[in-house]
């Protein structure tokens, strides 16, 4: 390396040094520290003691941990496919040449911009068993109104219903993907006598499959880290811990019980779960996702 090239290299490193320092201090070090502390008995206020795999072994004998994990998987298993289906349905409707597309797109996207705390407070009133708008509407239709946040059987479905409110992000991405589907494919399908469902199944879905994959992976990651809304709406996961999610238990262990080592082990289990589901999605993508050449 010549002297001039060496000077250029050091100048470049100097320019990117703030990013390198920030990445090391706020990303790489916390990741490495959490991995180390996951093998320790560490309460933050005292010295960490290495205990090997004890934290990981204790997790699988912790009934509350297993309950929070099952609650999270139940929520993810319902909210992700339902959210994708609703977002895609709305995108298909908006892509059908409706007048005032910009207005409708804005209306459907606005709920996704509402802050989490405000959203939780709003839906607390909507789900209110006595004065809630939803139960008043159901009672006028003659449908028995459930206790959305007071009945263990309805607490998780209520949160799944709430998650549909914020599907605007996915809808906008789907709409962008739909507008990129070549029109001549639909014209060829019309010439072959294909109906609307055949065109969706054999033309639309294969052409927007990369968008489906992206929204699906982002939905999986977001649903497994579901925290702010249930933490505000269902204190301690009540009723009967039916709405106690994985991230809530992780937070309580880290900052309420001061079991940072145990919480770090939970965080790494969550990371491995998200990584596994993401890799499975990418594995399926090799068979079902179509990327247009050129």
Protein backbone atom coordinates (compact mmCIF):
# COMPACT_ATOMS: atom_id res chain seq x y z
CA UNK A 1 0.00 0.00 0.00
CA UNK A 2 1.43 3.35 -1.04
CA UNK A 3 1.73 6.28 1.34
CA UNK A 4 -1.11 8.09 -0.45
CA UNK A 5 -3.40 5.04 -0.22
CA UNK A 6 -2.57 4.67 3.48
CA UNK A 7 -3.49 8.31 4.11
CA UNK A 8 -6.77 7.81 2.24
CA UNK A 9 -7.55 4.73 4.33
CA UNK A 10 -6.94 6.56 7.63
CA UNK A 11 -9.00 9.54 6.44
CA UNK A 12 -11.87 7.22 5.52
CA UNK A 13 -11.68 5.46 8.89
CA UNK A 14 -11.72 8.85 10.63
CA UNK A 15 -14.91 9.82 8.80
CA UNK A 16 -16.69 6.56 9.66
CA UNK A 17 -15.31 6.38 13.22
CA UNK A 18 -18.44 7.93 14.84
CA UNK A 19 -20.55 5.19 13.26
CA UNK A 20 -18.02 2.48 14.24
CA UNK A 21 -17.89 3.73 17.83
CA UNK A 22 -21.67 3.96 18.02
CA UNK A 23 -22.12 0.49 16.57
CA UNK A 24 -19.58 -0.98 18.96
CA UNK A 25 -20.90 0.80 22.07
CA UNK A 26 -24.64 0.52 21.44
CA UNK A 27 -24.96 -2.69 19.41
CA UNK A 28 -22.01 -5.08 19.47
CA UNK A 29 -21.13 -4.66 23.17
CA UNK A 30 -24.73 -5.10 24.42
CA UNK A 31 -25.13 -8.22 22.26
CA UNK A 32 -21.88 -9.74 23.57
CA UNK A 33 -22.70 -8.72 27.16
CA UNK A 34 -26.19 -10.25 27.02
CA UNK A 35 -24.73 -13.52 25.73
CA UNK A 36 -22.19 -13.56 28.58
CA UNK A 37 -24.75 -12.66 31.25
CA UNK A 38 -27.13 -15.35 30.01
CA UNK A 39 -24.68 -17.84 31.58
CA UNK A 40 -24.51 -15.87 34.83
CA UNK A 41 -26.50 -15.15 37.96
CA UNK A 42 -26.59 -11.38 37.59
CA UNK A 43 -28.87 -8.92 39.35
CA UNK A 44 -27.33 -5.69 37.92
CA UNK A 45 -26.65 -4.38 41.44
CA UNK A 46 -24.17 -7.12 42.32
CA UNK A 47 -21.30 -8.94 40.68
CA UNK A 48 -22.16 -11.55 38.05
CA UNK A 49 -21.44 -15.20 38.90
CA UNK A 50 -21.01 -17.79 36.18
CA UNK A 51 -23.56 -20.61 36.51
CA UNK A 52 -23.29 -22.27 33.10
CA UNK A 53 -26.55 -23.37 31.46
CA UNK A 54 -28.62 -23.08 34.64
CA UNK A 55 -30.66 -20.12 33.34
CA UNK A 56 -31.57 -22.00 30.17
CA UNK A 57 -32.46 -25.14 32.13
CA UNK A 58 -34.64 -23.16 34.54
CA UNK A 59 -36.61 -21.65 31.67
CA UNK A 60 -38.12 -24.98 30.71
CA UNK A 61 -39.26 -25.62 34.28
CA UNK A 62 -40.78 -22.16 34.65
CA UNK A 63 -44.56 -22.42 34.17
CA UNK A 64 -44.96 -18.68 33.75
CA UNK A 65 -42.28 -18.67 31.03
CA UNK A 66 -44.04 -21.49 29.17
CA UNK A 67 -47.37 -19.68 29.58
CA UNK A 68 -45.95 -16.45 28.14
CA UNK A 69 -44.38 -18.37 25.25
CA UNK A 70 -47.65 -20.14 24.38
CA UNK A 71 -49.56 -16.85 24.61
CA UNK A 72 -47.09 -15.24 22.22
CA UNK A 73 -47.21 -18.12 19.74
CA UNK A 74 -51.02 -18.07 19.83
CA UNK A 75 -51.06 -14.35 19.14
CA UNK A 76 -48.49 -14.64 16.33
CA UNK A 77 -50.29 -17.61 14.77
CA UNK A 78 -53.51 -15.61 14.48
CA UNK A 79 -52.39 -12.03 13.95
CA UNK A 80 -49.79 -12.63 11.21
CA UNK A 81 -51.97 -14.56 8.68
CA UNK A 82 -55.07 -12.50 9.44
CA UNK A 83 -53.13 -9.25 9.11
CA UNK A 84 -51.59 -10.34 5.80
CA UNK A 85 -54.97 -11.44 4.44
CA UNK A 86 -56.72 -8.20 5.42
CA UNK A 87 -53.89 -5.99 4.16
CA UNK A 88 -53.81 -7.86 0.84
CA UNK A 89 -57.61 -7.68 0.48
CA UNK A 90 -57.60 -3.92 1.03
CA UNK A 91 -54.70 -3.48 -1.39
CA UNK A 92 -56.58 -5.48 -4.04
CA UNK A 93 -59.66 -3.30 -3.57
CA UNK A 94 -57.65 -0.09 -3.83
CA UNK A 95 -55.83 -1.42 -6.90
CA UNK A 96 -59.07 -2.04 -8.77
CA UNK A 97 -59.19 1.46 -10.20
CA UNK A 98 -61.18 3.05 -7.39
CA UNK A 99 -61.52 6.81 -7.58
CA UNK A 100 -59.80 8.80 -4.83
CA UNK A 101 -57.07 6.20 -4.34
CA UNK A 102 -54.80 8.66 -2.54
CA UNK A 103 -57.53 9.57 -0.03
CA UNK A 104 -58.39 5.94 0.79
CA UNK A 105 -54.73 4.97 1.03
CA UNK A 106 -54.15 7.79 3.51
CA UNK A 107 -57.20 6.85 5.58
CA UNK A 108 -56.14 3.21 5.87
CA UNK A 109 -52.52 4.11 6.60
CA UNK A 110 -53.19 6.76 9.29
CA UNK A 111 -53.92 4.26 12.13
CA UNK A 112 -50.40 2.86 11.70
CA UNK A 113 -49.03 6.28 12.67
CA UNK A 114 -50.87 6.49 15.99
CA UNK A 115 -48.42 6.25 18.96
CA UNK A 116 -48.61 2.96 20.87
CA UNK A 117 -49.70 4.51 24.18
CA UNK A 118 -52.48 6.53 22.56
CA UNK A 119 -53.57 3.46 20.61
CA UNK A 120 -53.73 1.35 23.80
CA UNK A 121 -55.78 3.97 25.66
CA UNK A 122 -58.15 4.33 22.69
CA UNK A 123 -58.79 0.58 22.50
CA UNK A 124 -59.22 0.32 26.26
CA UNK A 125 -62.34 2.44 25.79
CA UNK A 126 -63.44 0.54 22.68
CA UNK A 127 -63.15 -2.78 24.57
CA UNK A 128 -64.78 -1.44 27.74
CA UNK A 129 -67.40 -3.99 28.79
CA UNK A 130 -69.97 -1.42 29.91
CA UNK A 131 -69.40 1.73 27.86
CA UNK A 132 -67.30 0.45 24.95
CA UNK A 133 -68.40 1.32 21.41
CA UNK A 134 -67.86 -2.24 20.23
CA UNK A 135 -70.10 -3.84 22.86
CA UNK A 136 -72.80 -1.20 22.35
CA UNK A 137 -72.77 -1.99 18.63
CA UNK A 138 -72.94 -5.76 19.26
CA UNK A 139 -75.79 -5.38 21.77
CA UNK A 140 -77.85 -3.43 19.25
CA UNK A 141 -77.40 -6.31 16.81
CA UNK A 142 -78.60 -8.72 19.48
CA UNK A 143 -75.19 -10.38 19.83
CA UNK A 144 -74.01 -11.17 23.39
CA UNK A 145 -71.16 -8.78 24.20
CA UNK A 146 -68.07 -10.54 25.58
CA UNK A 147 -65.78 -9.18 28.27
CA UNK A 148 -62.93 -8.46 25.89
CA UNK A 149 -60.26 -7.69 28.49
CA UNK A 150 -61.88 -9.32 31.52
CA UNK A 151 -62.50 -12.81 30.15
CA UNK A 152 -59.41 -15.07 29.68
CA UNK A 153 -61.05 -16.65 26.64
CA UNK A 154 -61.34 -13.28 24.86
CA UNK A 155 -58.24 -11.34 25.93
CA UNK A 156 -55.90 -12.67 23.22
CA UNK A 157 -58.53 -12.54 20.42
CA UNK A 158 -59.18 -8.93 21.47
CA UNK A 159 -55.49 -8.08 21.02
CA UNK A 160 -55.47 -9.88 17.67
CA UNK A 161 -58.45 -7.75 16.61
CA UNK A 162 -56.58 -4.65 17.75
CA UNK A 163 -53.54 -5.64 15.65
CA UNK A 164 -55.70 -5.46 12.51
CA UNK A 165 -55.95 -1.71 13.16
CA UNK A 166 -52.31 -1.20 12.23
CA UNK A 167 -52.11 -3.18 9.01
CA UNK A 168 -51.63 0.06 7.00
CA UNK A 169 -47.89 -0.50 6.59
CA UNK A 170 -48.37 -3.90 4.98
CA UNK A 171 -51.27 -2.62 2.86
CA UNK A 172 -49.17 0.18 1.35
CA UNK A 173 -46.36 -2.26 0.53
CA UNK A 174 -48.83 -4.70 -1.04
CA UNK A 175 -50.36 -1.87 -3.07
CA UNK A 176 -46.94 -0.89 -4.41
CA UNK A 177 -46.30 -4.52 -5.38
CA UNK A 178 -49.67 -4.85 -7.10
CA UNK A 179 -49.05 -1.76 -9.19
CA UNK A 180 -45.85 -3.35 -10.50
CA UNK A 181 -47.60 -6.47 -11.84
CA UNK A 182 -47.43 -6.36 -15.67
CA UNK A 183 -50.84 -5.62 -17.18
CA UNK A 184 -50.23 -7.95 -20.13
CA UNK A 185 -50.37 -10.94 -17.77
CA UNK A 186 -53.94 -10.05 -16.80
CA UNK A 187 -54.81 -9.50 -20.46
CA UNK A 188 -53.46 -12.95 -21.33
CA UNK A 189 -55.46 -14.46 -18.46
CA UNK A 190 -58.62 -12.73 -19.76
CA UNK A 191 -58.04 -14.20 -23.20
CA UNK A 192 -57.77 -17.64 -21.61
CA UNK A 193 -61.09 -17.11 -19.87
CA UNK A 194 -59.71 -16.90 -16.34
CA UNK A 195 -62.02 -15.62 -13.60
CA UNK A 196 -61.10 -13.15 -10.87
CA UNK A 197 -60.00 -15.88 -8.43
CA UNK A 198 -57.87 -17.64 -11.04
CA UNK A 199 -56.15 -14.36 -11.90
CA UNK A 200 -55.39 -13.70 -8.22
CA UNK A 201 -54.12 -17.22 -7.65
CA UNK A 202 -52.09 -17.72 -10.82
CA UNK A 203 -51.01 -14.16 -11.66
CA UNK A 204 -51.25 -11.78 -8.73
CA UNK A 205 -49.97 -13.95 -5.89
CA UNK A 206 -46.93 -15.33 -7.76
CA UNK A 207 -45.96 -11.85 -8.96
CA UNK A 208 -46.19 -10.27 -5.50
CA UNK A 209 -44.76 -13.29 -3.65
CA UNK A 210 -41.55 -11.39 -2.69
CA UNK A 211 -43.76 -8.74 -1.06
CA UNK A 212 -45.72 -11.45 0.73
CA UNK A 213 -42.47 -12.92 2.02
CA UNK A 214 -41.22 -9.56 3.27
CA UNK A 215 -44.47 -8.67 5.03
CA UNK A 216 -44.71 -12.16 6.49
CA UNK A 217 -41.21 -12.06 7.98
CA UNK A 218 -41.75 -8.56 9.37
CA UNK A 219 -45.06 -9.70 10.85
CA UNK A 220 -43.43 -12.69 12.54
CA UNK A 221 -40.69 -10.54 14.06
CA UNK A 222 -43.14 -7.89 15.27
CA UNK A 223 -45.67 -10.33 16.74
CA UNK A 224 -43.05 -12.27 18.72
CA UNK A 225 -41.86 -9.00 20.26
CA UNK A 226 -45.38 -7.79 21.12
CA UNK A 227 -44.98 -5.69 24.25
CA UNK A 228 -46.14 -2.06 24.56
CA UNK A 229 -49.88 -2.47 23.93
CA UNK A 230 -50.52 -5.49 26.21
CA UNK A 231 -48.26 -4.00 28.89
CA UNK A 232 -50.53 -0.94 29.03
CA UNK A 233 -53.90 -2.61 28.43
CA UNK A 234 -53.47 -5.79 30.51
CA UNK A 235 -51.35 -5.11 33.63
CA UNK A 236 -49.43 -8.27 34.59
CA UNK A 237 -51.13 -10.08 31.72
CA UNK A 238 -54.49 -10.17 33.48
CA UNK A 239 -56.98 -11.74 33.48
CA UNK A 240 -55.36 -14.97 34.75
CA UNK A 241 -52.14 -14.26 32.82
CA UNK A 242 -54.04 -14.94 29.60
CA UNK A 243 -52.46 -11.86 27.99
CA UNK A 244 -48.99 -12.22 29.50
CA UNK A 245 -46.61 -12.22 26.55
CA UNK A 246 -42.97 -13.24 26.19
CA UNK A 247 -41.57 -9.71 25.98
CA UNK A 248 -43.55 -8.69 29.08
CA UNK A 249 -42.07 -11.52 31.13
CA UNK A 250 -38.61 -10.69 29.80
CA UNK A 251 -39.03 -7.05 30.81
CA UNK A 252 -40.31 -7.96 34.28
CA UNK A 253 -37.36 -10.30 34.90
CA UNK A 254 -34.83 -7.71 33.78
CA UNK A 255 -36.18 -4.54 35.40
CA UNK A 256 -38.71 -5.60 38.04
CA UNK A 257 -37.18 -8.76 39.52
CA UNK A 258 -33.58 -7.69 38.62
CA UNK A 259 -32.78 -11.12 37.17
CA UNK A 260 -30.73 -9.80 34.26
CA UNK A 261 -29.00 -13.12 33.59
CA UNK A 262 -32.34 -14.92 33.36
CA UNK A 263 -33.74 -12.17 31.11
CA UNK A 264 -30.66 -12.39 28.86
CA UNK A 265 -31.24 -16.12 28.46
CA UNK A 266 -34.86 -15.38 27.52
CA UNK A 267 -33.69 -12.81 24.97
CA UNK A 268 -31.39 -15.30 23.29
CA UNK A 269 -34.11 -17.96 23.17
CA UNK A 270 -36.37 -15.38 21.52
CA UNK A 271 -33.61 -14.51 19.06
CA UNK A 272 -33.15 -18.18 18.14
CA UNK A 273 -36.92 -18.61 17.74
CA UNK A 274 -37.18 -15.60 15.41
CA UNK A 275 -34.08 -16.75 13.49
CA UNK A 276 -35.51 -20.26 13.05
CA UNK A 277 -38.87 -19.00 11.80
CA UNK A 278 -37.16 -16.54 9.46
CA UNK A 279 -34.91 -19.25 8.01
CA UNK A 280 -37.92 -21.53 7.53
CA UNK A 281 -39.70 -18.72 5.69
CA UNK A 282 -36.68 -18.20 3.45
CA UNK A 283 -36.47 -21.96 2.86
CA UNK A 284 -40.09 -21.98 1.71
CA UNK A 285 -39.35 -18.90 -0.39
CA UNK A 286 -36.96 -20.92 -2.55
CA UNK A 287 -39.95 -23.00 -3.70
CA UNK A 288 -42.86 -20.58 -3.74
CA UNK A 289 -41.46 -17.07 -4.22
CA UNK A 290 -41.16 -15.86 -7.80
CA UNK A 291 -38.62 -13.18 -8.72
CA UNK A 292 -39.19 -11.56 -12.09
CA UNK A 293 -36.08 -11.73 -14.28
CA UNK A 294 -34.58 -8.49 -15.52
